[in-house]
Amino acid sequence: MDWTAQLNSLLSTQVPVLPSPGMVRLYLALSWALVLATFGLWLLRRWGPAGKSIWYWLLPAGLALWAAWPGALSPTYWLGLAFQAPSLMSAVLCGLFVLRQFKPAVLPATCCALPWYFGMLGIVLGWLLLLDTFAVWPVSLYALGFSPVSLAVVALVAGLPWLLAGQRQSTRNISLLLVAVLLLQVLLRLPTGNLWDALLDPWLWIVLQLEGLQRGLRRFRSSQS
């Protein structure tokens, strides 16, 4: 067996499997609609009126319909030009957030609590990809997102929380979340066919860093008190 040829095939990025243009356009509209609806719902929960008023339905639904509107009057048109499409991870997390707000019995808050290293992995991956744009690494890290070996490595990492979780169901959920995103990426190849675009986008990366800073400040304050 020619191991060199096998290794080259695993690392090959020459023939990436890309999503169809129609699927890309559909995902662009639906993903931004979900993200904007989630953002509106988050604003209402943080600064809106107490209780579940009619605005908790109208504002997210209105933002979602506005994002799905075709043409330049839609925010999706401009957001797509500036940032392309949200990652599959962002779309799944937004969907879980919306489901938890309207169906807390189906998806309680403890079910969606993610461990701290989930954010750290996302932050590190984002910095590695950012440095990759300046050709810092000897190989293109972003291009490796089209190769089969990157999927195998991420699948292995996704299984580690399940093995190390013990009886903690909230920790096991991170494995289920990552596996679900990987399956969607393999089946649909969204949003670009690159694995890193499915796992992370600039907005999610910024949110992870802000959350990490807040967590660090809380620990610092608790240690000082």
Protein backbone atom coordinates (compact mmCIF):
# COMPACT_ATOMS: atom_id res chain seq x y z
CA MET A 1 0.00 0.00 0.00
CA ASP A 2 1.28 3.40 -0.97
CA TRP A 3 0.94 5.37 2.26
CA THR A 4 2.13 8.57 0.60
CA ALA A 5 -0.72 8.42 -1.91
CA GLN A 6 -3.21 7.69 0.89
CA LEU A 7 -1.95 10.65 2.92
CA ASN A 8 -2.09 12.93 -0.09
CA SER A 9 -5.69 11.92 -0.75
CA LEU A 10 -6.65 12.69 2.85
CA LEU A 11 -5.00 16.10 2.70
CA SER A 12 -6.14 16.88 -0.83
CA THR A 13 -8.04 20.12 -1.34
CA GLN A 14 -8.04 20.00 -5.13
CA VAL A 15 -11.60 18.74 -5.68
CA PRO A 16 -13.77 20.20 -2.91
CA VAL A 17 -17.45 19.29 -2.72
CA LEU A 18 -19.39 22.57 -2.90
CA PRO A 19 -23.07 23.29 -2.29
CA SER A 20 -25.35 24.13 -5.19
CA PRO A 21 -25.93 27.85 -5.91
CA GLY A 22 -29.65 27.50 -5.20
CA MET A 23 -28.97 25.92 -1.82
CA VAL A 24 -26.50 28.68 -0.98
CA ARG A 25 -29.06 31.41 -1.75
CA LEU A 26 -31.75 29.63 0.27
CA TYR A 27 -29.43 29.12 3.24
CA LEU A 28 -28.29 32.74 3.09
CA ALA A 29 -31.85 34.02 3.51
CA LEU A 30 -32.97 31.45 6.08
CA SER A 31 -29.83 31.64 8.24
CA TRP A 32 -29.84 35.43 8.46
CA ALA A 33 -33.58 35.35 9.19
CA LEU A 34 -32.92 33.00 12.10
CA VAL A 35 -29.99 35.07 13.39
CA LEU A 36 -31.93 38.35 13.24
CA ALA A 37 -34.96 36.79 14.90
CA THR A 38 -32.71 35.49 17.67
CA PHE A 39 -31.09 38.90 18.07
CA GLY A 40 -34.48 40.58 18.38
CA LEU A 41 -35.63 38.02 20.93
CA TRP A 42 -32.41 38.48 22.92
CA LEU A 43 -32.92 42.27 22.98
CA LEU A 44 -36.48 41.84 24.26
CA ARG A 45 -35.41 39.47 27.01
CA ARG A 46 -32.65 41.83 28.11
CA TRP A 47 -34.35 45.24 27.86
CA GLY A 48 -37.95 44.52 26.89
CA PRO A 49 -41.08 44.44 29.05
CA ALA A 50 -41.39 41.82 31.73
CA GLY A 51 -43.43 38.77 30.91
CA LYS A 52 -44.27 37.22 27.56
CA SER A 53 -45.98 40.09 25.75
CA ILE A 54 -47.11 40.03 22.12
CA TRP A 55 -43.80 41.65 21.16
CA TYR A 56 -42.00 38.41 21.94
CA TRP A 57 -43.74 36.98 18.89
CA LEU A 58 -44.06 40.04 16.65
CA LEU A 59 -40.50 41.36 16.73
CA PRO A 60 -38.67 38.06 15.97
CA ALA A 61 -41.25 37.13 13.32
CA GLY A 62 -41.04 40.59 11.74
CA LEU A 63 -37.23 40.50 11.60
CA ALA A 64 -37.29 37.01 10.11
CA LEU A 65 -39.77 38.02 7.41
CA TRP A 66 -37.79 41.16 6.65
CA ALA A 67 -34.60 39.12 6.26
CA ALA A 68 -36.36 36.67 3.93
CA TRP A 69 -37.65 39.51 1.73
CA PRO A 70 -35.95 39.38 -1.70
CA GLY A 71 -33.93 42.24 -3.11
CA ALA A 72 -31.86 45.13 -1.77
CA LEU A 73 -34.56 46.17 0.72
CA SER A 74 -33.74 43.08 2.78
CA PRO A 75 -30.96 43.20 5.39
CA THR A 76 -29.85 39.80 4.09
CA TYR A 77 -28.72 41.44 0.86
CA TRP A 78 -26.29 43.76 2.66
CA LEU A 79 -25.28 41.31 5.36
CA GLY A 80 -24.52 38.73 2.69
CA LEU A 81 -22.32 41.19 0.82
CA ALA A 82 -20.41 42.12 3.96
CA PHE A 83 -20.25 38.83 5.88
CA GLN A 84 -21.59 36.12 3.54
CA ALA A 85 -23.69 33.56 5.45
CA PRO A 86 -23.63 32.62 9.14
CA SER A 87 -21.99 29.34 10.03
CA LEU A 88 -24.01 26.20 10.60
CA MET A 89 -22.93 26.38 14.23
CA SER A 90 -24.42 29.86 14.57
CA ALA A 91 -27.65 28.76 12.92
CA VAL A 92 -27.97 25.72 15.19
CA LEU A 93 -27.20 27.74 18.33
CA CYS A 94 -29.73 30.39 17.33
CA GLY A 95 -32.33 27.72 16.70
CA LEU A 96 -31.70 26.22 20.15
CA PHE A 97 -31.98 29.66 21.75
CA VAL A 98 -35.32 30.37 20.09
CA LEU A 99 -36.64 26.91 20.96
CA ARG A 100 -35.60 27.32 24.58
CA GLN A 101 -37.44 30.64 24.87
CA PHE A 102 -40.74 29.35 23.51
CA LYS A 103 -40.53 25.72 24.61
CA PRO A 104 -38.60 25.67 27.90
CA ALA A 105 -40.12 22.33 28.88
CA VAL A 106 -38.77 20.69 25.73
CA LEU A 107 -35.33 22.30 26.01
CA PRO A 108 -34.54 23.50 29.55
CA ALA A 109 -31.74 25.94 30.28
CA THR A 110 -29.56 23.27 31.88
CA CYS A 111 -29.67 21.31 28.64
CA CYS A 112 -28.03 24.16 26.71
CA ALA A 113 -25.27 25.00 29.20
CA LEU A 114 -22.02 24.63 27.28
CA PRO A 115 -18.66 23.99 28.98
CA TRP A 116 -16.04 26.73 29.06
CA TYR A 117 -13.67 24.92 26.71
CA PHE A 118 -16.26 25.05 23.94
CA GLY A 119 -15.72 28.79 23.74
CA MET A 120 -11.96 28.45 24.09
CA LEU A 121 -11.76 26.07 21.15
CA GLY A 122 -13.76 28.50 19.02
CA ILE A 123 -11.56 31.44 20.06
CA VAL A 124 -8.35 29.55 19.30
CA LEU A 125 -9.67 28.36 15.93
CA GLY A 126 -10.66 31.91 15.03
CA TRP A 127 -7.20 33.29 15.82
CA LEU A 128 -5.54 30.48 13.87
CA LEU A 129 -7.70 31.24 10.83
CA LEU A 130 -7.08 34.98 11.20
CA LEU A 131 -3.33 34.44 11.21
CA ASP A 132 -3.76 32.11 8.24
CA THR A 133 -4.96 35.09 6.16
CA PHE A 134 -1.46 36.58 6.61
CA ALA A 135 0.20 33.32 5.45
CA VAL A 136 1.80 32.75 8.85
CA TRP A 137 1.51 28.97 8.76
CA PRO A 138 3.54 26.73 6.42
CA VAL A 139 0.30 25.35 4.92
CA SER A 140 -3.05 27.02 4.32
CA LEU A 141 -5.20 26.16 7.33
CA TYR A 142 -8.35 27.40 5.61
CA ALA A 143 -7.72 25.21 2.56
CA LEU A 144 -7.42 22.19 4.84
CA GLY A 145 -11.09 22.76 5.68
CA PHE A 146 -11.90 21.23 2.29
CA SER A 147 -9.90 18.05 3.00
CA PRO A 148 -11.31 14.84 4.52
CA VAL A 149 -8.71 14.78 7.31
CA SER A 150 -10.07 17.97 8.88
CA LEU A 151 -13.50 16.36 9.20
CA ALA A 152 -11.96 13.30 10.85
CA VAL A 153 -10.00 15.43 13.34
CA VAL A 154 -13.04 17.51 14.30
CA ALA A 155 -15.17 14.36 14.65
CA LEU A 156 -12.55 12.95 17.03
CA VAL A 157 -12.54 16.15 19.08
CA ALA A 158 -16.35 16.10 19.11
CA GLY A 159 -16.32 12.69 20.75
CA LEU A 160 -13.99 13.67 23.58
CA PRO A 161 -16.60 15.51 25.71
CA TRP A 162 -18.87 12.46 25.50
CA LEU A 163 -16.08 10.18 26.74
CA LEU A 164 -14.93 12.55 29.50
CA ALA A 165 -18.34 13.78 30.63
CA GLY A 166 -19.19 10.97 33.00
CA GLN A 167 -22.72 11.57 34.30
CA ARG A 168 -22.85 15.26 33.29
CA GLN A 169 -25.49 15.47 30.58
CA SER A 170 -24.80 19.16 29.90
CA THR A 171 -21.23 18.29 28.92
CA ARG A 172 -22.37 15.47 26.67
CA ASN A 173 -24.58 17.91 24.81
CA ILE A 174 -21.54 19.60 23.29
CA SER A 175 -20.69 16.32 21.56
CA LEU A 176 -24.23 16.04 20.21
CA LEU A 177 -24.10 19.64 19.02
CA LEU A 178 -20.79 19.21 17.19
CA VAL A 179 -21.86 15.90 15.64
CA ALA A 180 -25.12 17.47 14.43
CA VAL A 181 -23.21 20.33 12.78
CA LEU A 182 -20.77 17.91 11.19
CA LEU A 183 -23.60 15.80 9.79
CA LEU A 184 -25.28 18.87 8.33
CA GLN A 185 -22.02 19.98 6.78
CA VAL A 186 -21.39 16.56 5.23
CA LEU A 187 -24.94 16.29 3.86
CA LEU A 188 -25.48 19.87 2.71
CA ARG A 189 -21.89 21.25 2.41
CA LEU A 190 -23.18 24.59 3.69
CA PRO A 191 -22.40 27.40 3.76
CA THR A 192 -19.33 27.23 1.46
CA GLY A 193 -18.23 23.60 1.47
CA ASN A 194 -15.42 24.46 3.90
CA LEU A 195 -15.57 22.86 7.34
CA TRP A 196 -14.25 25.92 9.16
CA ASP A 197 -17.01 28.09 7.67
CA ALA A 198 -19.54 25.59 9.04
CA LEU A 199 -18.06 25.71 12.54
CA LEU A 200 -17.23 29.39 12.95
CA ASP A 201 -17.98 32.82 11.54
CA PRO A 202 -16.70 36.29 12.57
CA TRP A 203 -19.80 37.19 14.60
CA LEU A 204 -19.78 33.94 16.54
CA TRP A 205 -16.04 34.37 17.15
CA ILE A 206 -16.61 37.87 18.59
CA VAL A 207 -19.46 36.62 20.81
CA LEU A 208 -17.27 33.80 22.14
CA GLN A 209 -14.51 36.25 23.01
CA LEU A 210 -16.90 38.65 24.76
CA GLU A 211 -18.37 35.77 26.73
CA GLY A 212 -14.88 34.61 27.65
CA LEU A 213 -13.99 38.10 28.88
CA GLN A 214 -17.17 38.26 30.98
CA ARG A 215 -16.42 34.87 32.50
CA GLY A 216 -12.88 35.96 33.32
CA LEU A 217 -14.09 39.20 34.94
CA ARG A 218 -16.60 37.32 37.07
CA ARG A 219 -13.92 34.95 38.31
CA PHE A 220 -11.59 37.86 39.02
CA ARG A 221 -14.25 39.71 41.01
CA SER A 222 -15.18 36.61 42.96
CA SER A 223 -11.53 36.00 43.83
CA GLN A 224 -11.18 39.60 45.07
CA SER A 225 -14.28 39.46 47.27
